[in-house]
C-alpha atoms as a PDB file:
ATOM      1  CA  UNK A   1       0.440   1.409  12.450  1.00  0.00           C
ATOM      2  CA  UNK A   2       3.157   3.223  14.347  1.00  0.00           C
ATOM      3  CA  UNK A   3       6.589   1.924  13.426  1.00  0.00           C
ATOM      4  CA  UNK A   4       6.178   0.772  10.239  1.00  0.00           C
ATOM      5  CA  UNK A   5       7.657   2.899   7.638  1.00  0.00           C
ATOM      6  CA  UNK A   6       9.217   2.865   4.036  1.00  0.00           C
ATOM      7  CA  UNK A   7      12.697   2.062   5.282  1.00  0.00           C
ATOM      8  CA  UNK A   8      11.472  -1.829   5.750  1.00  0.00           C
ATOM      9  CA  UNK A   9      11.428  -2.021   1.958  1.00  0.00           C
ATOM     10  CA  UNK A  10      15.181  -0.788   1.592  1.00  0.00           C
ATOM     11  CA  UNK A  11      15.656   0.034  -2.092  1.00  0.00           C
ATOM     12  CA  UNK A  12      13.658  -0.977  -4.865  1.00  0.00           C
ATOM     13  CA  UNK A  13      10.378   0.523  -6.316  1.00  0.00           C
ATOM     14  CA  UNK A  14       8.054   0.956  -3.567  1.00  0.00           C
ATOM     15  CA  UNK A  15       9.962   3.973  -1.835  1.00  0.00           C
ATOM     16  CA  UNK A  16      10.313   5.536  -5.203  1.00  0.00           C
ATOM     17  CA  UNK A  17       6.386   5.013  -6.116  1.00  0.00           C
ATOM     18  CA  UNK A  18       5.361   6.326  -2.692  1.00  0.00           C
ATOM     19  CA  UNK A  19       7.459   9.522  -3.434  1.00  0.00           C
ATOM     20  CA  UNK A  20       6.429  10.087  -6.734  1.00  0.00           C
ATOM     21  CA  UNK A  21       2.854   9.738  -5.664  1.00  0.00           C
ATOM     22  CA  UNK A  22       3.657  12.182  -3.055  1.00  0.00           C
ATOM     23  CA  UNK A  23       2.357   9.771  -0.294  1.00  0.00           C
ATOM     24  CA  UNK A  24       3.354  11.449   3.203  1.00  0.00           C
ATOM     25  CA  UNK A  25       2.206   8.590   5.412  1.00  0.00           C
ATOM     26  CA  UNK A  26       3.992   5.457   5.941  1.00  0.00           C
ATOM     27  CA  UNK A  27       2.483   2.766   3.805  1.00  0.00           C
ATOM     28  CA  UNK A  28       3.448  -1.193   3.068  1.00  0.00           C
ATOM     29  CA  UNK A  29       2.745  -3.427   0.084  1.00  0.00           C
ATOM     30  CA  UNK A  30       0.192  -5.190   2.712  1.00  0.00           C
ATOM     31  CA  UNK A  31      -1.927  -1.949   3.163  1.00  0.00           C
ATOM     32  CA  UNK A  32      -2.214  -1.970  -0.743  1.00  0.00           C
ATOM     33  CA  UNK A  33      -3.473  -5.252  -0.591  1.00  0.00           C
ATOM     34  CA  UNK A  34      -6.156  -4.607   1.934  1.00  0.00           C
ATOM     35  CA  UNK A  35      -7.130  -1.321   0.155  1.00  0.00           C
ATOM     36  CA  UNK A  36      -7.414  -3.348  -3.471  1.00  0.00           C
ATOM     37  CA  UNK A  37      -9.757  -6.115  -1.734  1.00  0.00           C
ATOM     38  CA  UNK A  38     -11.889  -3.635  -0.062  1.00  0.00           C
ATOM     39  CA  UNK A  39     -12.432  -1.720  -3.307  1.00  0.00           C
ATOM     40  CA  UNK A  40     -13.379  -4.833  -5.148  1.00  0.00           C
ATOM     41  CA  UNK A  41     -15.803  -6.115  -2.464  1.00  0.00           C
ATOM     42  CA  UNK A  42     -17.240  -2.308  -2.857  1.00  0.00           C
ATOM     43  CA  UNK A  43     -17.727  -3.298  -6.463  1.00  0.00           C
ATOM     44  CA  UNK A  44     -19.459  -6.472  -5.794  1.00  0.00           C
ATOM     45  CA  UNK A  45     -16.567  -8.627  -7.267  1.00  0.00           C
ATOM     46  CA  UNK A  46     -16.395 -12.018  -5.955  1.00  0.00           C
ATOM     47  CA  UNK A  47     -13.044 -12.362  -4.952  1.00  0.00           C
ATOM     48  CA  UNK A  48     -12.955 -15.701  -3.520  1.00  0.00           C
END
C-alpha cells in the first residue's frame, strides 16, 4: 500500500483517531472495512 497515507483524509476524525490510537502505519477507512469483514467471517457471522 505504498503511497497511501493519512493526508488523503484531509481534516476530520480519521487522522485524529489514528494519532490517538498511536497507529504509526498509514491506514485508510477501506482497510478497516476489510479488517472488520475478516473478523466477522472468522467468528462465523453470515455477512451476505
